[in-house]
């Protein structure tokens, strides 16, 4: 006899306008569902990271252990038992499940037929305007008795494509010919790491990890633009600090009529599974992948940011490219802009990028100015964090009374980028030949290389690693960052925001001055501030 459940519709979305329903999906095909269980102690973890990342707090730098973090993100015993019973009632065996070390995520391999029964929904193949295909649904339901125990289940309603839509290389086809200046010389037309910092001119310190079927061929002929850029500049900047390159398996070629190949895999989540399971994760990580915030369901965005929080509380610094579309699509002409909301209203609106954890924007030239493609603006899904209040409110007040009144709602939202670094004309060797690459995909690994050197200096002095960097940057950063006051980031048929004195949504707090930053981060004693910013 079938179980009788009282269903409660809990999750529904309007598909982004670029996606159209393409076909049904074979019921016998397999799909991998990720079930995120409610974390009753997540606020305690948030309190911990606020204290250990605040340079004015007595606990600054006292990071948590892996076991301590896992205890704080674990679900309740009741949640675990109820969800286990639900899966068992559907005939799902333990052999077809994987659980994260903290037991907060359950990954289930099952047929589409069982998944549709499980979630009272129908899966379909959806086609993007560019031809990409994914398997998704626009709504799903949970039995009423599980609503308070499950945060989300994916892939269901998320149409983001972290593996495809990244902070893209802005220009990768221009051949860089002849010799170029090194470093940040005023007359430089290209950016290269200083050879003085690399006496051996090799990268034998790099380890590569293949995760879940990632690309194993890393020959000169096969390595791509992004991989070459990240390795050559992140490691070139941080030499001789050892580096790790992760290759995570993404979606395979997808044919809707095949039962063996499907692209329901979410490599971004799988990479987080892997890195959080490590006893000793890298201390500085740069990521250049993202998508427009509106393509990411709020519950998925929140849970993903909580996983970043886990890493930060363990002493890991995360940097993300701010995106290469200015305030949205990079288009200043209103006739050609494509910044349309996907909530069914089809309104024109700036399109912020997710994720934005220590977000790195782009600059160009010396003296530096903000580069036009630098992503920046306001994250609508998240409230403004305590450490941003002073700097961001100062920017909004400079807009003038009329504009400030229009933007007043932004005063309650997280702002980005946090900092910036050079991002134009990086000289990268691809297939053995030099090319020019531009983008915040270049800015983020460059900034990460600098953070790696700062961590190295602290460790050699017996100090803890920097971990979550933003509170330190916003409280002390102006002492050690070059303020950028020229440039703007057009998009969505507008000129975007202007760089200005202090923080701005183009260049953030500014670009790093290594010697000054080193002085700031090497302070071993807690320096009490006379200004206290509350939540």
Protein backbone atom coordinates (compact mmCIF):
# COMPACT_ATOMS: atom_id res chain seq x y z
CA UNK A 1 0.00 0.00 0.00
CA UNK A 2 1.35 3.40 -0.98
CA UNK A 3 2.14 5.88 1.74
CA UNK A 4 -0.20 8.88 1.91
CA UNK A 5 1.65 12.17 2.24
CA UNK A 6 0.29 15.67 2.71
CA UNK A 7 2.21 17.70 0.15
CA UNK A 8 3.19 21.31 0.65
CA UNK A 9 4.55 23.30 -2.29
CA UNK A 10 7.73 24.86 -0.94
CA UNK A 11 9.97 25.82 -3.85
CA UNK A 12 9.09 27.40 -7.20
CA UNK A 13 10.80 29.68 -9.73
CA UNK A 14 10.15 31.47 -13.01
CA UNK A 15 12.76 30.19 -15.52
CA UNK A 16 15.20 32.83 -16.80
CA UNK A 17 14.06 34.26 -20.12
CA UNK A 18 16.98 32.66 -21.99
CA UNK A 19 15.70 29.16 -21.14
CA UNK A 20 12.86 27.39 -23.00
CA UNK A 21 11.33 24.00 -22.32
CA UNK A 22 12.79 21.63 -24.91
CA UNK A 23 11.47 18.11 -24.23
CA UNK A 24 10.50 15.60 -21.59
CA UNK A 25 13.21 13.50 -19.98
CA UNK A 26 13.25 9.68 -20.00
CA UNK A 27 11.90 8.32 -16.72
CA UNK A 28 14.48 5.53 -16.61
CA UNK A 29 17.43 7.93 -16.83
CA UNK A 30 19.38 8.53 -13.65
CA UNK A 31 19.72 11.79 -11.78
CA UNK A 32 21.77 12.80 -8.75
CA UNK A 33 19.89 14.81 -6.13
CA UNK A 34 21.56 16.81 -3.37
CA UNK A 35 19.45 17.16 -0.21
CA UNK A 36 20.50 19.96 2.14
CA UNK A 37 19.33 19.31 5.70
CA UNK A 38 18.50 22.19 8.04
CA UNK A 39 21.46 23.28 10.20
CA UNK A 40 20.11 24.33 13.62
CA UNK A 41 23.43 25.73 14.88
CA UNK A 42 24.49 27.74 11.81
CA UNK A 43 24.01 31.07 13.64
CA UNK A 44 26.56 29.96 16.22
CA UNK A 45 29.09 29.41 13.44
CA UNK A 46 28.29 32.87 12.04
CA UNK A 47 29.01 34.39 15.44
CA UNK A 48 32.32 32.54 15.60
CA UNK A 49 33.54 33.81 12.24
CA UNK A 50 32.51 37.38 13.08
CA UNK A 51 34.73 37.29 16.16
CA UNK A 52 37.74 35.45 14.72
CA UNK A 53 37.87 37.63 11.58
CA UNK A 54 37.50 40.98 13.38
CA UNK A 55 40.99 42.45 13.98
CA UNK A 56 39.66 44.35 16.99
CA UNK A 57 38.34 41.26 18.75
CA UNK A 58 40.34 39.29 21.30
CA UNK A 59 39.61 36.05 19.39
CA UNK A 60 41.02 37.37 16.12
CA UNK A 61 42.76 34.57 14.20
CA UNK A 62 41.65 31.77 16.53
CA UNK A 63 40.23 29.62 13.75
CA UNK A 64 38.11 26.54 14.34
CA UNK A 65 39.10 22.97 13.61
CA UNK A 66 37.43 20.81 10.98
CA UNK A 67 35.67 18.80 13.69
CA UNK A 68 34.41 21.93 15.45
CA UNK A 69 32.97 23.30 12.21
CA UNK A 70 31.31 20.00 11.32
CA UNK A 71 29.63 19.89 14.74
CA UNK A 72 28.16 23.35 14.13
CA UNK A 73 26.78 22.62 10.64
CA UNK A 74 25.43 19.14 11.42
CA UNK A 75 21.65 18.58 11.24
CA UNK A 76 19.61 17.50 14.24
CA UNK A 77 19.17 13.80 14.95
CA UNK A 78 15.44 14.21 14.29
CA UNK A 79 16.08 15.65 10.81
CA UNK A 80 18.45 12.82 9.97
CA UNK A 81 16.03 10.12 11.12
CA UNK A 82 13.02 11.59 9.32
CA UNK A 83 14.84 12.04 6.02
CA UNK A 84 16.37 8.57 6.27
CA UNK A 85 12.90 7.08 6.79
CA UNK A 86 11.58 9.05 3.80
CA UNK A 87 14.33 7.76 1.52
CA UNK A 88 13.81 4.20 2.74
CA UNK A 89 10.07 4.44 2.02
CA UNK A 90 10.97 5.25 -1.58
CA UNK A 91 13.18 2.19 -1.87
CA UNK A 92 16.42 4.21 -1.86
CA UNK A 93 19.22 2.15 -0.34
CA UNK A 94 22.30 3.39 1.50
CA UNK A 95 24.41 2.04 -1.35
CA UNK A 96 22.95 4.74 -3.57
CA UNK A 97 23.66 7.62 -1.20
CA UNK A 98 26.66 9.69 -0.18
CA UNK A 99 26.79 11.92 2.90
CA UNK A 100 29.16 14.79 3.62
CA UNK A 101 31.32 14.41 6.75
CA UNK A 102 29.02 16.73 8.71
CA UNK A 103 25.95 14.77 7.48
CA UNK A 104 24.40 18.09 6.39
CA UNK A 105 24.14 17.01 2.74
CA UNK A 106 22.82 13.73 1.38
CA UNK A 107 23.59 12.97 -2.27
CA UNK A 108 21.24 10.40 -3.80
CA UNK A 109 21.59 8.55 -7.11
CA UNK A 110 18.18 7.47 -8.44
CA UNK A 111 16.01 7.30 -11.54
CA UNK A 112 14.05 10.27 -12.78
CA UNK A 113 10.86 8.29 -12.19
CA UNK A 114 11.64 7.92 -8.48
CA UNK A 115 12.82 11.55 -8.22
CA UNK A 116 9.55 12.80 -9.71
CA UNK A 117 7.53 10.71 -7.26
CA UNK A 118 9.77 11.82 -4.42
CA UNK A 119 9.28 15.53 -5.17
CA UNK A 120 5.80 15.47 -6.75
CA UNK A 121 7.17 17.13 -9.87
CA UNK A 122 8.13 16.56 -13.51
CA UNK A 123 11.63 16.95 -14.92
CA UNK A 124 12.15 18.34 -18.42
CA UNK A 125 15.02 19.18 -20.71
CA UNK A 126 15.48 22.96 -21.00
CA UNK A 127 17.39 24.65 -23.80
CA UNK A 128 19.31 27.92 -23.48
CA UNK A 129 19.39 30.46 -26.31
CA UNK A 130 23.04 29.51 -26.86
CA UNK A 131 22.09 25.84 -27.33
CA UNK A 132 23.07 24.50 -23.90
CA UNK A 133 20.77 21.85 -22.42
CA UNK A 134 20.00 21.06 -18.79
CA UNK A 135 17.49 18.96 -16.82
CA UNK A 136 15.39 21.02 -14.44
CA UNK A 137 11.93 21.61 -13.02
CA UNK A 138 10.26 24.88 -12.06
CA UNK A 139 8.78 23.69 -8.77
CA UNK A 140 8.90 20.80 -6.34
CA UNK A 141 7.16 19.76 -3.16
CA UNK A 142 8.03 18.09 0.10
CA UNK A 143 5.88 16.10 2.52
CA UNK A 144 4.66 18.51 5.17
CA UNK A 145 6.45 16.73 8.00
CA UNK A 146 9.83 17.33 6.26
CA UNK A 147 9.48 21.03 5.45
CA UNK A 148 11.21 22.09 8.68
CA UNK A 149 14.02 19.60 8.18
CA UNK A 150 15.10 20.13 4.55
CA UNK A 151 16.49 23.44 3.30
CA UNK A 152 16.57 22.56 -0.38
CA UNK A 153 16.99 19.84 -2.98
CA UNK A 154 18.96 20.39 -6.19
CA UNK A 155 19.17 20.12 -9.13
CA UNK A 156 15.58 21.21 -9.35
CA UNK A 157 14.87 24.91 -9.80
CA UNK A 158 18.38 26.33 -10.25
CA UNK A 159 19.16 27.48 -13.79
CA UNK A 160 22.61 28.91 -13.01
CA UNK A 161 25.55 27.46 -14.94
CA UNK A 162 28.65 27.86 -12.78
CA UNK A 163 30.59 25.50 -15.02
CA UNK A 164 29.83 27.55 -18.13
CA UNK A 165 29.06 31.13 -17.26
CA UNK A 166 32.13 32.28 -15.42
CA UNK A 167 33.90 35.60 -14.99
CA UNK A 168 34.90 35.17 -18.58
CA UNK A 169 38.12 35.99 -20.32
CA UNK A 170 37.41 39.36 -21.86
CA UNK A 171 39.90 39.15 -24.72
CA UNK A 172 41.87 36.01 -25.41
CA UNK A 173 42.57 36.07 -29.13
CA UNK A 174 45.02 38.97 -29.39
CA UNK A 175 48.58 37.71 -29.91
CA UNK A 176 51.12 39.40 -27.68
CA UNK A 177 54.14 39.93 -29.91
CA UNK A 178 57.63 41.06 -28.96
CA UNK A 179 59.16 41.75 -25.58
CA UNK A 180 57.06 43.35 -22.87
CA UNK A 181 57.85 45.28 -19.75
CA UNK A 182 57.54 43.43 -16.48
CA UNK A 183 55.74 44.46 -13.36
CA UNK A 184 53.65 47.64 -13.16
CA UNK A 185 55.86 50.06 -15.11
CA UNK A 186 54.03 53.19 -16.20
CA UNK A 187 54.52 52.57 -19.92
CA UNK A 188 53.53 48.89 -19.79
CA UNK A 189 51.06 47.67 -22.40
CA UNK A 190 50.95 44.18 -20.93
CA UNK A 191 51.11 42.61 -17.47
CA UNK A 192 53.64 39.91 -16.56
CA UNK A 193 54.97 38.58 -13.26
CA UNK A 194 58.36 39.96 -12.35
CA UNK A 195 61.11 37.54 -13.33
CA UNK A 196 63.08 38.75 -10.31
CA UNK A 197 60.66 36.82 -8.11
CA UNK A 198 61.13 33.60 -10.07
CA UNK A 199 64.85 32.85 -10.27
CA UNK A 200 64.28 29.34 -11.60
CA UNK A 201 61.56 30.36 -14.07
CA UNK A 202 59.58 27.13 -13.59
CA UNK A 203 56.45 25.97 -11.81
CA UNK A 204 57.52 22.63 -10.41
CA UNK A 205 55.94 23.59 -7.08
CA UNK A 206 52.45 23.01 -8.49
CA UNK A 207 50.35 20.00 -7.55
CA UNK A 208 47.28 19.08 -9.56
CA UNK A 209 44.27 17.25 -8.17
CA UNK A 210 41.71 15.55 -10.39
CA UNK A 211 38.27 15.64 -8.75
CA UNK A 212 35.35 13.53 -9.93
CA UNK A 213 36.61 12.89 -13.43
CA UNK A 214 38.19 16.27 -14.14
CA UNK A 215 40.45 16.75 -17.13
CA UNK A 216 43.67 14.76 -16.75
CA UNK A 217 45.39 16.00 -19.90
CA UNK A 218 47.40 19.03 -18.85
CA UNK A 219 49.82 19.12 -21.73
CA UNK A 220 50.82 22.37 -23.39
CA UNK A 221 48.50 21.51 -26.28
CA UNK A 222 45.43 20.90 -24.10
CA UNK A 223 45.58 23.44 -21.24
CA UNK A 224 42.98 26.19 -21.74
CA UNK A 225 42.95 29.97 -21.36
CA UNK A 226 41.60 30.03 -17.81
CA UNK A 227 43.88 27.30 -16.49
CA UNK A 228 46.99 28.89 -17.98
CA UNK A 229 46.03 32.33 -16.67
CA UNK A 230 45.38 31.13 -13.12
CA UNK A 231 48.51 28.99 -12.83
CA UNK A 232 50.90 31.46 -14.45
CA UNK A 233 49.78 34.52 -12.49
CA UNK A 234 48.58 33.16 -9.14
CA UNK A 235 51.76 31.11 -8.81
CA UNK A 236 53.91 33.70 -10.52
CA UNK A 237 52.80 36.29 -8.00
CA UNK A 238 53.08 34.03 -4.95
CA UNK A 239 56.33 32.20 -5.87
CA UNK A 240 57.84 30.24 -4.16
CA UNK A 241 54.67 29.42 -2.18
CA UNK A 242 53.46 25.93 -3.21
CA UNK A 243 50.27 25.93 -5.24
CA UNK A 244 47.49 23.48 -6.08
CA UNK A 245 45.43 23.37 -9.27
CA UNK A 246 42.04 21.62 -9.03
CA UNK A 247 40.42 20.07 -12.08
CA UNK A 248 36.81 19.23 -11.24
CA UNK A 249 34.67 17.08 -13.51
CA UNK A 250 31.90 19.11 -15.10
CA UNK A 251 28.93 18.08 -17.14
CA UNK A 252 29.50 15.55 -19.93
CA UNK A 253 28.12 16.05 -23.46
CA UNK A 254 24.36 15.80 -23.11
CA UNK A 255 21.96 14.13 -25.52
CA UNK A 256 18.30 14.23 -24.47
CA UNK A 257 17.63 10.80 -25.95
CA UNK A 258 20.46 9.10 -24.01
CA UNK A 259 19.87 7.33 -20.72
CA UNK A 260 23.52 7.28 -19.74
CA UNK A 261 24.67 10.85 -20.24
CA UNK A 262 23.07 13.70 -18.34
CA UNK A 263 24.29 17.07 -17.17
CA UNK A 264 22.58 17.22 -13.79
CA UNK A 265 26.02 17.21 -12.18
CA UNK A 266 26.87 20.39 -10.24
CA UNK A 267 30.67 20.52 -10.21
CA UNK A 268 30.76 23.66 -8.09
CA UNK A 269 28.94 21.90 -5.24
CA UNK A 270 31.05 18.79 -5.71
CA UNK A 271 34.26 20.81 -5.44
CA UNK A 272 32.97 22.23 -2.15
CA UNK A 273 32.24 18.68 -0.96
CA UNK A 274 35.81 17.76 -1.73
CA UNK A 275 37.59 20.78 -0.28
CA UNK A 276 35.56 20.78 2.95
CA UNK A 277 36.39 17.12 3.50
CA UNK A 278 40.13 17.86 3.50
CA UNK A 279 41.91 17.98 6.84
CA UNK A 280 44.27 20.66 5.52
CA UNK A 281 42.68 22.68 2.69
CA UNK A 282 44.73 25.34 0.86
CA UNK A 283 44.98 28.58 2.80
CA UNK A 284 44.17 30.85 -0.15
CA UNK A 285 41.75 29.96 -2.96
CA UNK A 286 40.88 31.97 -6.08
CA UNK A 287 37.74 31.20 -8.09
CA UNK A 288 36.72 32.77 -11.39
CA UNK A 289 33.34 31.12 -11.85
CA UNK A 290 29.94 32.66 -11.24
CA UNK A 291 26.60 33.61 -12.73
CA UNK A 292 24.00 36.33 -12.42
CA UNK A 293 22.47 36.31 -8.96
CA UNK A 294 18.92 36.07 -10.30
CA UNK A 295 19.63 32.64 -11.81
CA UNK A 296 20.50 31.23 -8.36
CA UNK A 297 17.60 30.39 -6.01
CA UNK A 298 17.97 32.22 -2.72
CA UNK A 299 18.04 29.04 -0.63
CA UNK A 300 20.84 27.60 -2.78
CA UNK A 301 22.80 30.86 -2.61
CA UNK A 302 22.43 30.96 1.18
CA UNK A 303 23.56 27.36 1.66
CA UNK A 304 26.53 27.87 -0.67
CA UNK A 305 27.62 30.97 1.24
CA UNK A 306 27.35 29.03 4.49
CA UNK A 307 29.81 26.53 3.03
CA UNK A 308 32.18 29.38 2.25
CA UNK A 309 31.70 30.42 5.86
CA UNK A 310 32.87 26.96 6.95
CA UNK A 311 36.12 27.42 5.04
CA UNK A 312 36.66 30.94 6.35
CA UNK A 313 36.19 29.82 9.94
CA UNK A 314 38.95 27.24 9.37
CA UNK A 315 41.42 29.94 8.28
CA UNK A 316 40.94 29.77 4.50
CA UNK A 317 40.82 32.99 2.44
CA UNK A 318 38.48 32.88 -0.57
CA UNK A 319 38.70 35.33 -3.49
CA UNK A 320 36.17 35.57 -6.33
CA UNK A 321 36.23 37.48 -9.60
CA UNK A 322 33.62 40.24 -9.60
CA UNK A 323 32.60 39.51 -13.20
CA UNK A 324 33.29 41.11 -16.56
CA UNK A 325 29.93 42.70 -17.38
CA UNK A 326 30.15 45.93 -15.42
CA UNK A 327 26.79 46.33 -13.67
CA UNK A 328 25.21 43.60 -15.78
CA UNK A 329 25.83 42.97 -19.46
CA UNK A 330 28.64 45.43 -20.17
CA UNK A 331 26.43 47.28 -22.68
CA UNK A 332 26.16 51.07 -22.31
CA UNK A 333 23.70 51.58 -25.18
CA UNK A 334 20.07 51.18 -23.97
CA UNK A 335 19.09 49.81 -27.40
CA UNK A 336 21.21 46.72 -26.97
CA UNK A 337 21.12 46.06 -23.23
CA UNK A 338 19.91 42.65 -22.01
CA UNK A 339 19.50 43.22 -18.26
CA UNK A 340 15.99 41.82 -17.87
CA UNK A 341 14.65 40.32 -14.64
CA UNK A 342 13.51 36.70 -14.66
CA UNK A 343 10.71 37.13 -12.11
CA UNK A 344 8.04 37.38 -14.79
CA UNK A 345 8.00 41.19 -14.70
CA UNK A 346 10.72 41.59 -17.38
CA UNK A 347 12.02 44.77 -15.79
CA UNK A 348 15.35 46.36 -16.63
CA UNK A 349 17.66 46.04 -13.62
CA UNK A 350 21.36 45.80 -12.86
CA UNK A 351 22.43 42.14 -12.65
CA UNK A 352 24.79 41.44 -9.75
CA UNK A 353 27.06 38.40 -9.85
CA UNK A 354 26.99 35.45 -7.46
CA UNK A 355 29.07 34.50 -5.51
CA UNK A 356 30.79 37.57 -4.06
CA UNK A 357 32.99 36.54 -1.12
CA UNK A 358 36.00 38.89 -0.99
CA UNK A 359 35.12 39.95 -4.50
CA UNK A 360 37.96 41.28 -6.70
CA UNK A 361 37.27 43.91 -9.35
CA UNK A 362 39.59 45.08 -12.12
CA UNK A 363 41.87 48.05 -12.85
CA UNK A 364 44.20 49.03 -15.67
CA UNK A 365 47.27 51.15 -16.29
CA UNK A 366 49.63 53.08 -14.04
CA UNK A 367 48.45 55.34 -12.49
CA UNK A 368 45.60 52.88 -12.04
CA UNK A 369 42.01 53.47 -12.98
CA UNK A 370 39.01 51.18 -12.86
CA UNK A 371 38.70 49.06 -15.98
CA UNK A 372 35.36 49.33 -17.78
CA UNK A 373 34.37 45.65 -17.47
CA UNK A 374 34.87 45.46 -13.69
CA UNK A 375 31.75 43.88 -12.17
CA UNK A 376 30.21 45.68 -9.23
CA UNK A 377 27.00 46.73 -7.54
CA UNK A 378 24.69 45.42 -4.85
CA UNK A 379 23.71 41.83 -4.02
CA UNK A 380 19.94 41.82 -3.56
CA UNK A 381 19.68 38.41 -1.84
CA UNK A 382 21.91 39.30 1.11
CA UNK A 383 21.78 42.04 3.71
CA UNK A 384 24.73 44.36 4.12
CA UNK A 385 27.31 42.76 6.45
CA UNK A 386 28.33 44.76 9.51
CA UNK A 387 31.85 45.50 8.29
CA UNK A 388 30.62 47.23 5.09
CA UNK A 389 28.22 49.70 6.65
CA UNK A 390 30.60 52.63 7.15
CA UNK A 391 32.34 52.46 3.76
CA UNK A 392 29.28 51.77 1.61
CA UNK A 393 27.04 54.32 3.28
CA UNK A 394 29.75 56.90 2.60
CA UNK A 395 29.57 56.09 -1.11
CA UNK A 396 25.77 56.27 -1.26
CA UNK A 397 25.72 59.67 0.40
CA UNK A 398 28.08 61.02 -2.26
CA UNK A 399 25.53 60.25 -4.99
CA UNK A 400 23.50 63.37 -4.17
CA UNK A 401 20.11 63.62 -2.50
CA UNK A 402 17.96 62.67 -5.49
CA UNK A 403 20.07 59.70 -6.49
CA UNK A 404 20.50 58.65 -2.86
CA UNK A 405 16.72 58.53 -2.42
CA UNK A 406 16.43 56.32 -5.50
CA UNK A 407 19.20 54.06 -4.25
CA UNK A 408 18.21 54.08 -0.60
CA UNK A 409 17.02 50.48 -0.84
CA UNK A 410 20.60 49.55 -1.72
CA UNK A 411 21.67 50.72 1.70
CA UNK A 412 20.39 47.42 3.06
CA UNK A 413 22.17 45.09 0.65
CA UNK A 414 25.64 43.59 0.39
CA UNK A 415 27.93 45.54 -1.92
CA UNK A 416 30.75 44.35 -4.19
CA UNK A 417 33.59 44.27 -5.18
CA UNK A 418 35.57 44.48 -1.96
CA UNK A 419 38.98 45.15 -3.55
CA UNK A 420 40.50 45.18 -7.02
CA UNK A 421 43.69 44.41 -8.93
CA UNK A 422 45.06 44.83 -12.43
CA UNK A 423 42.91 43.05 -15.01
CA UNK A 424 43.85 44.24 -18.51
CA UNK A 425 46.26 42.67 -21.01
CA UNK A 426 47.85 39.86 -19.03
CA UNK A 427 50.54 38.15 -21.11
CA UNK A 428 49.70 34.45 -20.89
CA UNK A 429 51.36 31.56 -22.70
CA UNK A 430 48.78 29.27 -24.31
CA UNK A 431 49.87 26.26 -26.37
CA UNK A 432 53.39 27.59 -26.03
CA UNK A 433 52.60 30.99 -27.57
CA UNK A 434 52.01 34.38 -25.85
CA UNK A 435 48.53 35.89 -25.88
CA UNK A 436 46.84 38.80 -24.11
CA UNK A 437 44.01 38.01 -21.69
CA UNK A 438 41.84 40.52 -19.83
CA UNK A 439 39.18 40.12 -17.18
CA UNK A 440 38.61 39.94 -13.48
CA UNK A 441 39.56 36.31 -14.06
CA UNK A 442 43.05 37.79 -14.06
CA UNK A 443 42.45 40.13 -11.13
CA UNK A 444 41.33 37.48 -8.64
CA UNK A 445 44.31 35.07 -8.96
CA UNK A 446 46.65 38.06 -8.84
CA UNK A 447 45.13 39.27 -5.57
CA UNK A 448 45.11 35.69 -4.25
CA UNK A 449 48.83 35.40 -4.97
CA UNK A 450 49.43 38.46 -2.80
CA UNK A 451 47.29 37.02 0.01
CA UNK A 452 49.32 33.79 -0.19
CA UNK A 453 52.50 35.78 0.42
CA UNK A 454 50.89 37.57 3.36
CA UNK A 455 49.86 34.23 4.86
CA UNK A 456 53.41 32.97 4.36
CA UNK A 457 54.80 35.95 6.26
CA UNK A 458 52.36 35.42 9.13
CA UNK A 459 53.08 31.72 9.41
CA UNK A 460 56.82 32.30 9.49
CA UNK A 461 56.24 34.75 12.36
CA UNK A 462 54.16 32.21 14.29
CA UNK A 463 50.86 33.97 13.57
CA UNK A 464 47.64 32.33 12.33
CA UNK A 465 46.52 32.66 8.72
CA UNK A 466 44.26 35.51 7.64
CA UNK A 467 41.14 33.45 6.95
CA UNK A 468 38.04 35.48 6.07
CA UNK A 469 39.60 38.73 4.97
CA UNK A 470 36.79 41.27 4.64
CA UNK A 471 36.56 42.65 8.20
CA UNK A 472 40.31 43.32 8.19
CA UNK A 473 40.10 44.97 4.76
CA UNK A 474 37.23 47.27 5.69
CA UNK A 475 38.65 48.21 9.10
CA UNK A 476 42.33 48.57 8.15
CA UNK A 477 42.41 48.31 4.36
CA UNK A 478 42.48 52.00 3.59
CA UNK A 479 45.90 52.10 5.25
CA UNK A 480 47.30 49.64 2.71
CA UNK A 481 45.21 49.88 -0.48
CA UNK A 482 45.58 52.28 -3.39
CA UNK A 483 42.34 54.22 -3.70
CA UNK A 484 41.01 54.22 -7.30
CA UNK A 485 39.09 57.36 -8.22
CA UNK A 486 38.88 57.23 -12.03
CA UNK A 487 36.76 54.98 -14.25
CA UNK A 488 33.29 53.45 -14.40
CA UNK A 489 31.64 50.11 -15.21
CA UNK A 490 28.92 50.52 -17.87
CA UNK A 491 26.16 48.01 -18.40
CA UNK A 492 22.39 47.58 -18.72
CA UNK A 493 22.17 50.62 -21.00
CA UNK A 494 23.85 52.92 -18.46
CA UNK A 495 27.30 54.19 -17.59
CA UNK A 496 27.17 52.14 -14.41
CA UNK A 497 28.86 53.39 -11.26
CA UNK A 498 31.80 55.78 -11.03
CA UNK A 499 34.99 55.13 -9.14
CA UNK A 500 35.37 57.70 -6.38
CA UNK A 501 37.30 58.44 -3.23
CA UNK A 502 36.86 55.63 -0.72
CA UNK A 503 34.89 52.47 -1.46
CA UNK A 504 32.94 52.31 -4.72
CA UNK A 505 31.07 49.57 -6.69
CA UNK A 506 33.74 49.51 -9.42
CA UNK A 507 37.07 49.13 -7.64
CA UNK A 508 35.97 48.39 -4.07
CA UNK A 509 38.41 49.65 -1.45
CA UNK A 510 41.25 49.76 -3.99
CA UNK A 511 44.29 47.74 -5.07
CA UNK A 512 46.94 46.19 -2.80
CA UNK A 513 50.19 47.85 -1.80
CA UNK A 514 52.09 44.77 -0.64
CA UNK A 515 54.53 46.42 1.74
CA UNK A 516 51.77 48.35 3.47
CA UNK A 517 49.51 45.31 3.62
CA UNK A 518 52.33 43.24 5.06
CA UNK A 519 52.77 45.81 7.82
CA UNK A 520 49.05 45.73 8.63
CA UNK A 521 48.70 41.94 8.72
CA UNK A 522 51.89 41.40 10.69
CA UNK A 523 50.59 43.20 13.75
CA UNK A 524 50.59 40.45 16.33
CA UNK A 525 48.70 42.29 19.07
CA UNK A 526 45.04 43.13 18.88
CA UNK A 527 44.71 46.82 18.20
CA UNK A 528 41.57 48.11 19.82
CA UNK A 529 39.54 50.53 17.77
CA UNK A 530 37.73 53.52 19.22
CA UNK A 531 34.96 52.94 16.67
CA UNK A 532 32.61 50.01 17.25
CA UNK A 533 30.31 48.86 14.44
CA UNK A 534 27.42 46.72 15.56
CA UNK A 535 25.35 44.28 13.52
